[in-house]
PDB file of N, CA and C in Angstrom:
ATOM      1  N   UNK A   1     -46.658  19.564 -14.594  1.00  0.00           N
ATOM      2  CA  UNK A   1     -48.009  19.683 -15.112  1.00  0.00           C
ATOM      3  C   UNK A   1     -47.928  20.166 -16.569  1.00  0.00           C
ATOM      4  N   UNK A   2     -48.625  19.482 -17.467  1.00  0.00           N
ATOM      5  CA  UNK A   2     -48.609  19.897 -18.875  1.00  0.00           C
ATOM      6  C   UNK A   2     -49.280  21.253 -19.083  1.00  0.00           C
ATOM      7  N   UNK A   3     -48.753  22.009 -20.031  1.00  0.00           N
ATOM      8  CA  UNK A   3     -49.364  23.277 -20.421  1.00  0.00           C
ATOM      9  C   UNK A   3     -50.630  22.988 -21.225  1.00  0.00           C
ATOM     10  N   UNK A   4     -50.565  21.964 -22.065  1.00  0.00           N
ATOM     11  CA  UNK A   4     -51.705  21.545 -22.883  1.00  0.00           C
ATOM     12  C   UNK A   4     -51.844  20.041 -22.772  1.00  0.00           C
ATOM     13  N   UNK A   5     -53.056  19.586 -22.490  1.00  0.00           N
ATOM     14  CA  UNK A   5     -53.322  18.153 -22.405  1.00  0.00           C
ATOM     15  C   UNK A   5     -54.602  17.848 -23.169  1.00  0.00           C
ATOM     16  N   UNK A   6     -54.505  16.925 -24.108  1.00  0.00           N
ATOM     17  CA  UNK A   6     -55.641  16.515 -24.934  1.00  0.00           C
ATOM     18  C   UNK A   6     -55.881  15.037 -24.673  1.00  0.00           C
ATOM     19  N   UNK A   7     -57.118  14.677 -24.364  1.00  0.00           N
ATOM     20  CA  UNK A   7     -57.466  13.290 -24.062  1.00  0.00           C
ATOM     21  C   UNK A   7     -58.680  12.855 -24.870  1.00  0.00           C
ATOM     22  N   UNK A   8     -58.494  11.784 -25.641  1.00  0.00           N
ATOM     23  CA  UNK A   8     -59.565  11.119 -26.394  1.00  0.00           C
ATOM     24  C   UNK A   8     -60.373  12.072 -27.276  1.00  0.00           C
ATOM     25  N   UNK A   9     -59.689  13.044 -27.878  1.00  0.00           N
ATOM     26  CA  UNK A   9     -60.357  14.031 -28.724  1.00  0.00           C
ATOM     27  C   UNK A   9     -60.934  13.354 -29.967  1.00  0.00           C
ATOM     28  N   UNK A  10     -62.179  13.683 -30.267  1.00  0.00           N
ATOM     29  CA  UNK A  10     -62.877  13.108 -31.415  1.00  0.00           C
ATOM     30  C   UNK A  10     -63.577  14.205 -32.196  1.00  0.00           C
ATOM     31  N   UNK A  11     -63.604  14.027 -33.518  1.00  0.00           N
ATOM     32  CA  UNK A  11     -64.335  14.946 -34.386  1.00  0.00           C
ATOM     33  C   UNK A  11     -64.855  14.164 -35.582  1.00  0.00           C
ATOM     34  N   UNK A  12     -66.143  14.323 -35.839  1.00  0.00           N
ATOM     35  CA  UNK A  12     -66.796  13.681 -36.973  1.00  0.00           C
ATOM     36  C   UNK A  12     -67.426  14.740 -37.856  1.00  0.00           C
ATOM     37  N   UNK A  13     -67.430  14.469 -39.138  1.00  0.00           N
ATOM     38  CA  UNK A  13     -68.194  15.258 -40.097  1.00  0.00           C
ATOM     39  C   UNK A  13     -69.183  14.288 -40.721  1.00  0.00           C
ATOM     40  N   UNK A  14     -70.410  14.298 -40.188  1.00  0.00           N
ATOM     41  CA  UNK A  14     -71.391  13.306 -40.620  1.00  0.00           C
ATOM     42  C   UNK A  14     -70.914  11.919 -40.219  1.00  0.00           C
ATOM     43  N   UNK A  15     -70.851  11.011 -41.174  1.00  0.00           N
ATOM     44  CA  UNK A  15     -70.399   9.641 -40.914  1.00  0.00           C
ATOM     45  C   UNK A  15     -68.874   9.510 -40.926  1.00  0.00           C
ATOM     46  N   UNK A  16     -68.185  10.550 -41.396  1.00  0.00           N
ATOM     47  CA  UNK A  16     -66.725  10.495 -41.519  1.00  0.00           C
ATOM     48  C   UNK A  16     -66.059  10.827 -40.187  1.00  0.00           C
ATOM     49  N   UNK A  17     -65.327   9.857 -39.641  1.00  0.00           N
ATOM     50  CA  UNK A  17     -64.589  10.038 -38.395  1.00  0.00           C
ATOM     51  C   UNK A  17     -63.222  10.629 -38.741  1.00  0.00           C
ATOM     52  N   UNK A  18     -63.012  11.903 -38.410  1.00  0.00           N
ATOM     53  CA  UNK A  18     -61.780  12.595 -38.793  1.00  0.00           C
ATOM     54  C   UNK A  18     -60.721  12.475 -37.700  1.00  0.00           C
ATOM     55  N   UNK A  19     -61.106  12.685 -36.450  1.00  0.00           N
ATOM     56  CA  UNK A  19     -60.202  12.526 -35.311  1.00  0.00           C
ATOM     57  C   UNK A  19     -60.771  11.446 -34.403  1.00  0.00           C
ATOM     58  N   UNK A  20     -59.948  10.470 -34.063  1.00  0.00           N
ATOM     59  CA  UNK A  20     -60.402   9.356 -33.238  1.00  0.00           C
ATOM     60  C   UNK A  20     -59.469   9.178 -32.048  1.00  0.00           C
ATOM     61  N   UNK A  21     -59.957   9.488 -30.857  1.00  0.00           N
ATOM     62  CA  UNK A  21     -59.213   9.263 -29.607  1.00  0.00           C
ATOM     63  C   UNK A  21     -57.782   9.807 -29.653  1.00  0.00           C
ATOM     64  N   UNK A  22     -57.649  11.088 -29.984  1.00  0.00           N
ATOM     65  CA  UNK A  22     -56.337  11.741 -30.026  1.00  0.00           C
ATOM     66  C   UNK A  22     -55.908  12.075 -28.596  1.00  0.00           C
ATOM     67  N   UNK A  23     -54.723  11.628 -28.211  1.00  0.00           N
ATOM     68  CA  UNK A  23     -54.158  11.864 -26.882  1.00  0.00           C
ATOM     69  C   UNK A  23     -52.755  12.440 -27.019  1.00  0.00           C
ATOM     70  N   UNK A  24     -52.493  13.553 -26.339  1.00  0.00           N
ATOM     71  CA  UNK A  24     -51.123  14.055 -26.223  1.00  0.00           C
ATOM     72  C   UNK A  24     -51.077  15.121 -25.141  1.00  0.00           C
ATOM     73  N   UNK A  25     -49.872  15.391 -24.667  1.00  0.00           N
ATOM     74  CA  UNK A  25     -49.672  16.489 -23.721  1.00  0.00           C
ATOM     75  C   UNK A  25     -48.425  17.252 -24.149  1.00  0.00           C
ATOM     76  N   UNK A  26     -48.390  18.503 -23.768  1.00  0.00           N
ATOM     77  CA  UNK A  26     -47.297  19.397 -24.135  1.00  0.00           C
ATOM     78  C   UNK A  26     -46.847  20.116 -22.872  1.00  0.00           C
ATOM     79  N   UNK A  27     -45.584  19.928 -22.514  1.00  0.00           N
ATOM     80  CA  UNK A  27     -45.031  20.592 -21.336  1.00  0.00           C
ATOM     81  C   UNK A  27     -44.452  21.950 -21.714  1.00  0.00           C
ATOM     82  N   UNK A  28     -44.305  22.811 -20.724  1.00  0.00           N
ATOM     83  CA  UNK A  28     -43.746  24.144 -20.951  1.00  0.00           C
ATOM     84  C   UNK A  28     -42.365  24.028 -21.596  1.00  0.00           C
ATOM     85  N   UNK A  29     -42.158  24.797 -22.669  1.00  0.00           N
ATOM     86  CA  UNK A  29     -40.890  24.793 -23.378  1.00  0.00           C
ATOM     87  C   UNK A  29     -40.751  23.692 -24.411  1.00  0.00           C
ATOM     88  N   UNK A  30     -41.690  22.770 -24.445  1.00  0.00           N
ATOM     89  CA  UNK A  30     -41.641  21.653 -25.388  1.00  0.00           C
ATOM     90  C   UNK A  30     -42.251  22.067 -26.727  1.00  0.00           C
ATOM     91  N   UNK A  31     -41.718  21.524 -27.795  1.00  0.00           N
ATOM     92  CA  UNK A  31     -42.236  21.769 -29.137  1.00  0.00           C
ATOM     93  C   UNK A  31     -42.642  20.435 -29.740  1.00  0.00           C
ATOM     94  N   UNK A  32     -43.792  20.403 -30.387  1.00  0.00           N
ATOM     95  CA  UNK A  32     -44.214  19.189 -31.077  1.00  0.00           C
ATOM     96  C   UNK A  32     -44.536  19.536 -32.527  1.00  0.00           C
ATOM     97  N   UNK A  33     -44.549  18.525 -33.363  1.00  0.00           N
ATOM     98  CA  UNK A  33     -44.910  18.689 -34.768  1.00  0.00           C
ATOM     99  C   UNK A  33     -46.096  17.784 -35.068  1.00  0.00           C
ATOM    100  N   UNK A  34     -47.009  18.288 -35.862  1.00  0.00           N
ATOM    101  CA  UNK A  34     -48.155  17.497 -36.305  1.00  0.00           C
ATOM    102  C   UNK A  34     -47.906  17.175 -37.769  1.00  0.00           C
ATOM    103  N   UNK A  35     -47.679  15.897 -38.046  1.00  0.00           N
ATOM    104  CA  UNK A  35     -47.390  15.496 -39.415  1.00  0.00           C
ATOM    105  C   UNK A  35     -48.390  14.435 -39.861  1.00  0.00           C
ATOM    106  N   UNK A  36     -48.590  14.358 -41.153  1.00  0.00           N
ATOM    107  CA  UNK A  36     -49.487  13.359 -41.716  1.00  0.00           C
ATOM    108  C   UNK A  36     -49.816  13.706 -43.143  1.00  0.00           C
ATOM    109  N   UNK A  37     -50.401  12.759 -43.811  1.00  0.00           N
ATOM    110  CA  UNK A  37     -50.744  12.965 -45.216  1.00  0.00           C
ATOM    111  C   UNK A  37     -51.929  13.918 -45.345  1.00  0.00           C
ATOM    112  N   UNK A  38     -52.140  14.381 -46.544  1.00  0.00           N
ATOM    113  CA  UNK A  38     -53.263  15.267 -46.834  1.00  0.00           C
ATOM    114  C   UNK A  38     -54.574  14.583 -46.448  1.00  0.00           C
ATOM    115  N   UNK A  39     -55.413  15.308 -45.734  1.00  0.00           N
ATOM    116  CA  UNK A  39     -56.707  14.756 -45.336  1.00  0.00           C
ATOM    117  C   UNK A  39     -56.681  13.908 -44.082  1.00  0.00           C
ATOM    118  N   UNK A  40     -55.557  13.908 -43.363  1.00  0.00           N
ATOM    119  CA  UNK A  40     -55.451  13.055 -42.176  1.00  0.00           C
ATOM    120  C   UNK A  40     -55.969  13.708 -40.899  1.00  0.00           C
ATOM    121  N   UNK A  41     -56.359  14.996 -40.950  1.00  0.00           N
ATOM    122  CA  UNK A  41     -56.959  15.640 -39.792  1.00  0.00           C
ATOM    123  C   UNK A  41     -56.081  16.641 -39.068  1.00  0.00           C
ATOM    124  N   UNK A  42     -54.938  16.987 -39.630  1.00  0.00           N
ATOM    125  CA  UNK A  42     -54.027  17.934 -38.960  1.00  0.00           C
ATOM    126  C   UNK A  42     -54.695  19.284 -38.712  1.00  0.00           C
ATOM    127  N   UNK A  43     -55.280  19.849 -39.743  1.00  0.00           N
ATOM    128  CA  UNK A  43     -55.932  21.157 -39.611  1.00  0.00           C
ATOM    129  C   UNK A  43     -57.157  21.061 -38.720  1.00  0.00           C
ATOM    130  N   UNK A  44     -57.897  19.980 -38.822  1.00  0.00           N
ATOM    131  CA  UNK A  44     -59.071  19.791 -37.963  1.00  0.00           C
ATOM    132  C   UNK A  44     -58.657  19.751 -36.500  1.00  0.00           C
ATOM    133  N   UNK A  45     -57.551  19.092 -36.191  1.00  0.00           N
ATOM    134  CA  UNK A  45     -57.044  19.061 -34.818  1.00  0.00           C
ATOM    135  C   UNK A  45     -56.748  20.472 -34.330  1.00  0.00           C
ATOM    136  N   UNK A  46     -56.032  21.250 -35.130  1.00  0.00           N
ATOM    137  CA  UNK A  46     -55.709  22.625 -34.733  1.00  0.00           C
ATOM    138  C   UNK A  46     -56.967  23.469 -34.583  1.00  0.00           C
ATOM    139  N   UNK A  47     -57.931  23.282 -35.466  1.00  0.00           N
ATOM    140  CA  UNK A  47     -59.185  24.036 -35.381  1.00  0.00           C
ATOM    141  C   UNK A  47     -59.963  23.656 -34.118  1.00  0.00           C
ATOM    142  N   UNK A  48     -59.910  22.400 -33.724  1.00  0.00           N
ATOM    143  CA  UNK A  48     -60.573  21.977 -32.484  1.00  0.00           C
ATOM    144  C   UNK A  48     -59.869  22.567 -31.261  1.00  0.00           C
ATOM    145  N   UNK A  49     -58.544  22.623 -31.295  1.00  0.00           N
ATOM    146  CA  UNK A  49     -57.798  23.191 -30.168  1.00  0.00           C
ATOM    147  C   UNK A  49     -58.085  24.672 -29.994  1.00  0.00           C
ATOM    148  N   UNK A  50     -58.400  25.365 -31.090  1.00  0.00           N
ATOM    149  CA  UNK A  50     -58.715  26.798 -31.050  1.00  0.00           C
ATOM    150  C   UNK A  50     -60.214  27.065 -30.986  1.00  0.00           C
ATOM    151  N   UNK A  51     -61.011  26.012 -30.905  1.00  0.00           N
ATOM    152  CA  UNK A  51     -62.476  26.094 -30.856  1.00  0.00           C
ATOM    153  C   UNK A  51     -63.075  26.756 -32.091  1.00  0.00           C
ATOM    154  N   UNK A  52     -62.375  26.629 -33.212  1.00  0.00           N
ATOM    155  CA  UNK A  52     -62.966  27.047 -34.480  1.00  0.00           C
ATOM    156  C   UNK A  52     -63.869  25.935 -35.003  1.00  0.00           C
ATOM    157  N   UNK A  53     -63.631  24.720 -34.539  1.00  0.00           N
ATOM    158  CA  UNK A  53     -64.504  23.561 -34.737  1.00  0.00           C
ATOM    159  C   UNK A  53     -64.844  23.047 -33.348  1.00  0.00           C
ATOM    160  N   UNK A  54     -66.046  22.535 -33.192  1.00  0.00           N
ATOM    161  CA  UNK A  54     -66.457  21.987 -31.898  1.00  0.00           C
ATOM    162  C   UNK A  54     -66.143  20.489 -31.872  1.00  0.00           C
ATOM    163  N   UNK A  55     -65.258  20.041 -30.975  1.00  0.00           N
ATOM    164  CA  UNK A  55     -64.965  18.605 -30.890  1.00  0.00           C
ATOM    165  C   UNK A  55     -66.225  17.827 -30.498  1.00  0.00           C
ATOM    166  N   UNK A  56     -66.309  16.584 -30.937  1.00  0.00           N
ATOM    167  CA  UNK A  56     -67.453  15.736 -30.606  1.00  0.00           C
ATOM    168  C   UNK A  56     -67.210  14.882 -29.375  1.00  0.00           C
ATOM    169  N   UNK A  57     -65.971  14.756 -28.960  1.00  0.00           N
ATOM    170  CA  UNK A  57     -65.667  13.944 -27.795  1.00  0.00           C
ATOM    171  C   UNK A  57     -64.310  14.305 -27.235  1.00  0.00           C
ATOM    172  N   UNK A  58     -64.063  13.852 -26.004  1.00  0.00           N
ATOM    173  CA  UNK A  58     -62.772  14.056 -25.370  1.00  0.00           C
ATOM    174  C   UNK A  58     -62.711  15.292 -24.501  1.00  0.00           C
ATOM    175  N   UNK A  59     -61.486  15.648 -24.128  1.00  0.00           N
ATOM    176  CA  UNK A  59     -61.292  16.817 -23.269  1.00  0.00           C
ATOM    177  C   UNK A  59     -60.003  17.539 -23.645  1.00  0.00           C
ATOM    178  N   UNK A  60     -59.987  18.837 -23.335  1.00  0.00           N
ATOM    179  CA  UNK A  60     -58.819  19.688 -23.559  1.00  0.00           C
ATOM    180  C   UNK A  60     -58.579  20.466 -22.271  1.00  0.00           C
ATOM    181  N   UNK A  61     -57.345  20.408 -21.766  1.00  0.00           N
ATOM    182  CA  UNK A  61     -56.971  21.148 -20.559  1.00  0.00           C
ATOM    183  C   UNK A  61     -55.790  22.055 -20.870  1.00  0.00           C
ATOM    184  N   UNK A  62     -55.818  23.261 -20.310  1.00  0.00           N
ATOM    185  CA  UNK A  62     -54.721  24.213 -20.443  1.00  0.00           C
ATOM    186  C   UNK A  62     -54.278  24.597 -19.036  1.00  0.00           C
ATOM    187  N   UNK A  63     -52.995  24.398 -18.754  1.00  0.00           N
ATOM    188  CA  UNK A  63     -52.435  24.688 -17.426  1.00  0.00           C
ATOM    189  C   UNK A  63     -53.239  24.029 -16.312  1.00  0.00           C
ATOM    190  N   UNK A  64     -53.669  22.795 -16.548  1.00  0.00           N
ATOM    191  CA  UNK A  64     -54.396  22.032 -15.545  1.00  0.00           C
ATOM    192  C   UNK A  64     -55.871  22.344 -15.434  1.00  0.00           C
ATOM    193  N   UNK A  65     -56.349  23.321 -16.187  1.00  0.00           N
ATOM    194  CA  UNK A  65     -57.761  23.700 -16.135  1.00  0.00           C
ATOM    195  C   UNK A  65     -58.481  23.142 -17.368  1.00  0.00           C
ATOM    196  N   UNK A  66     -59.541  22.379 -17.129  1.00  0.00           N
ATOM    197  CA  UNK A  66     -60.314  21.804 -18.228  1.00  0.00           C
ATOM    198  C   UNK A  66     -61.088  22.926 -18.910  1.00  0.00           C
ATOM    199  N   UNK A  67     -60.805  23.129 -20.196  1.00  0.00           N
ATOM    200  CA  UNK A  67     -61.517  24.166 -20.944  1.00  0.00           C
ATOM    201  C   UNK A  67     -62.560  23.565 -21.878  1.00  0.00           C
ATOM    202  N   UNK A  68     -62.470  22.250 -22.108  1.00  0.00           N
ATOM    203  CA  UNK A  68     -63.494  21.555 -22.886  1.00  0.00           C
ATOM    204  C   UNK A  68     -63.582  20.129 -22.388  1.00  0.00           C
ATOM    205  N   UNK A  69     -64.802  19.680 -22.142  1.00  0.00           N
ATOM    206  CA  UNK A  69     -65.053  18.286 -21.788  1.00  0.00           C
ATOM    207  C   UNK A  69     -66.374  17.899 -22.423  1.00  0.00           C
ATOM    208  N   UNK A  70     -66.338  16.959 -23.346  1.00  0.00           N
ATOM    209  CA  UNK A  70     -67.545  16.559 -24.069  1.00  0.00           C
ATOM    210  C   UNK A  70     -68.596  15.969 -23.134  1.00  0.00           C
ATOM    211  N   UNK A  71     -68.174  15.457 -21.976  1.00  0.00           N
ATOM    212  CA  UNK A  71     -69.121  14.876 -21.027  1.00  0.00           C
ATOM    213  C   UNK A  71     -69.780  15.927 -20.139  1.00  0.00           C
ATOM    214  N   UNK A  72     -69.272  17.166 -20.184  1.00  0.00           N
ATOM    215  CA  UNK A  72     -69.847  18.262 -19.404  1.00  0.00           C
ATOM    216  C   UNK A  72     -71.106  18.743 -20.115  1.00  0.00           C
ATOM    217  N   UNK A  73     -72.256  18.619 -19.489  1.00  0.00           N
ATOM    218  CA  UNK A  73     -73.507  18.973 -20.166  1.00  0.00           C
ATOM    219  C   UNK A  73     -73.714  20.474 -20.366  1.00  0.00           C
ATOM    220  N   UNK A  74     -72.878  21.298 -19.753  1.00  0.00           N
ATOM    221  CA  UNK A  74     -73.048  22.741 -19.862  1.00  0.00           C
ATOM    222  C   UNK A  74     -72.545  23.205 -21.225  1.00  0.00           C
ATOM    223  N   UNK A  75     -73.406  23.867 -21.977  1.00  0.00           N
ATOM    224  CA  UNK A  75     -73.023  24.393 -23.280  1.00  0.00           C
ATOM    225  C   UNK A  75     -72.394  25.761 -23.094  1.00  0.00           C
ATOM    226  N   UNK A  76     -71.236  25.953 -23.675  1.00  0.00           N
ATOM    227  CA  UNK A  76     -70.538  27.230 -23.561  1.00  0.00           C
ATOM    228  C   UNK A  76     -71.085  28.218 -24.586  1.00  0.00           C
ATOM    229  N   UNK A  77     -71.189  29.477 -24.183  1.00  0.00           N
ATOM    230  CA  UNK A  77     -71.623  30.515 -25.113  1.00  0.00           C
ATOM    231  C   UNK A  77     -70.439  30.935 -25.976  1.00  0.00           C
ATOM    232  N   UNK A  78     -70.712  31.617 -27.060  1.00  0.00           N
ATOM    233  CA  UNK A  78     -69.645  32.087 -27.946  1.00  0.00           C
ATOM    234  C   UNK A  78     -68.689  33.019 -27.206  1.00  0.00           C
ATOM    235  N   UNK A  79     -69.208  33.852 -26.291  1.00  0.00           N
ATOM    236  CA  UNK A  79     -68.325  34.764 -25.552  1.00  0.00           C
ATOM    237  C   UNK A  79     -67.405  33.991 -24.605  1.00  0.00           C
ATOM    238  N   UNK A  80     -67.885  32.904 -23.996  1.00  0.00           N
ATOM    239  CA  UNK A  80     -67.035  32.085 -23.130  1.00  0.00           C
ATOM    240  C   UNK A  80     -65.932  31.409 -23.946  1.00  0.00           C
ATOM    241  N   UNK A  81     -66.290  30.924 -25.118  1.00  0.00           N
ATOM    242  CA  UNK A  81     -65.305  30.289 -25.987  1.00  0.00           C
ATOM    243  C   UNK A  81     -64.279  31.313 -26.447  1.00  0.00           C
ATOM    244  N   UNK A  82     -64.723  32.525 -26.767  1.00  0.00           N
ATOM    245  CA  UNK A  82     -63.814  33.587 -27.196  1.00  0.00           C
ATOM    246  C   UNK A  82     -62.813  33.904 -26.086  1.00  0.00           C
ATOM    247  N   UNK A  83     -63.272  33.957 -24.835  1.00  0.00           N
ATOM    248  CA  UNK A  83     -62.379  34.215 -23.706  1.00  0.00           C
ATOM    249  C   UNK A  83     -61.326  33.121 -23.592  1.00  0.00           C
ATOM    250  N   UNK A  84     -61.718  31.869 -23.825  1.00  0.00           N
ATOM    251  CA  UNK A  84     -60.768  30.763 -23.760  1.00  0.00           C
ATOM    252  C   UNK A  84     -59.717  30.882 -24.853  1.00  0.00           C
ATOM    253  N   UNK A  85     -60.128  31.353 -26.011  1.00  0.00           N
ATOM    254  CA  UNK A  85     -59.177  31.537 -27.112  1.00  0.00           C
ATOM    255  C   UNK A  85     -58.137  32.592 -26.755  1.00  0.00           C
ATOM    256  N   UNK A  86     -58.557  33.635 -26.043  1.00  0.00           N
ATOM    257  CA  UNK A  86     -57.668  34.750 -25.722  1.00  0.00           C
ATOM    258  C   UNK A  86     -56.750  34.457 -24.546  1.00  0.00           C
ATOM    259  N   UNK A  87     -57.057  33.485 -23.729  1.00  0.00           N
ATOM    260  CA  UNK A  87     -56.235  33.189 -22.552  1.00  0.00           C
ATOM    261  C   UNK A  87     -55.547  31.904 -22.791  1.00  0.00           C
TER     262      UNK A  87
END
């Protein structure tokens, strides 16, 4: 089971599509690198994973538990998001 799983993650700033259908998983003990040219969305991806930016689409799971799903109509409060950041 992946420690981190990202599926179809999307982020837009107005009309600008910054992240489009990003998919990856990270297993325990595995290391990955995020590379790309300036302005390609590397920092935006990290900010979405830490909930410093709110993703516009997709899902994020940690240890098999979905912590973000754009299709989930329930809006998370800032305190719930803070708890997710700490765990």
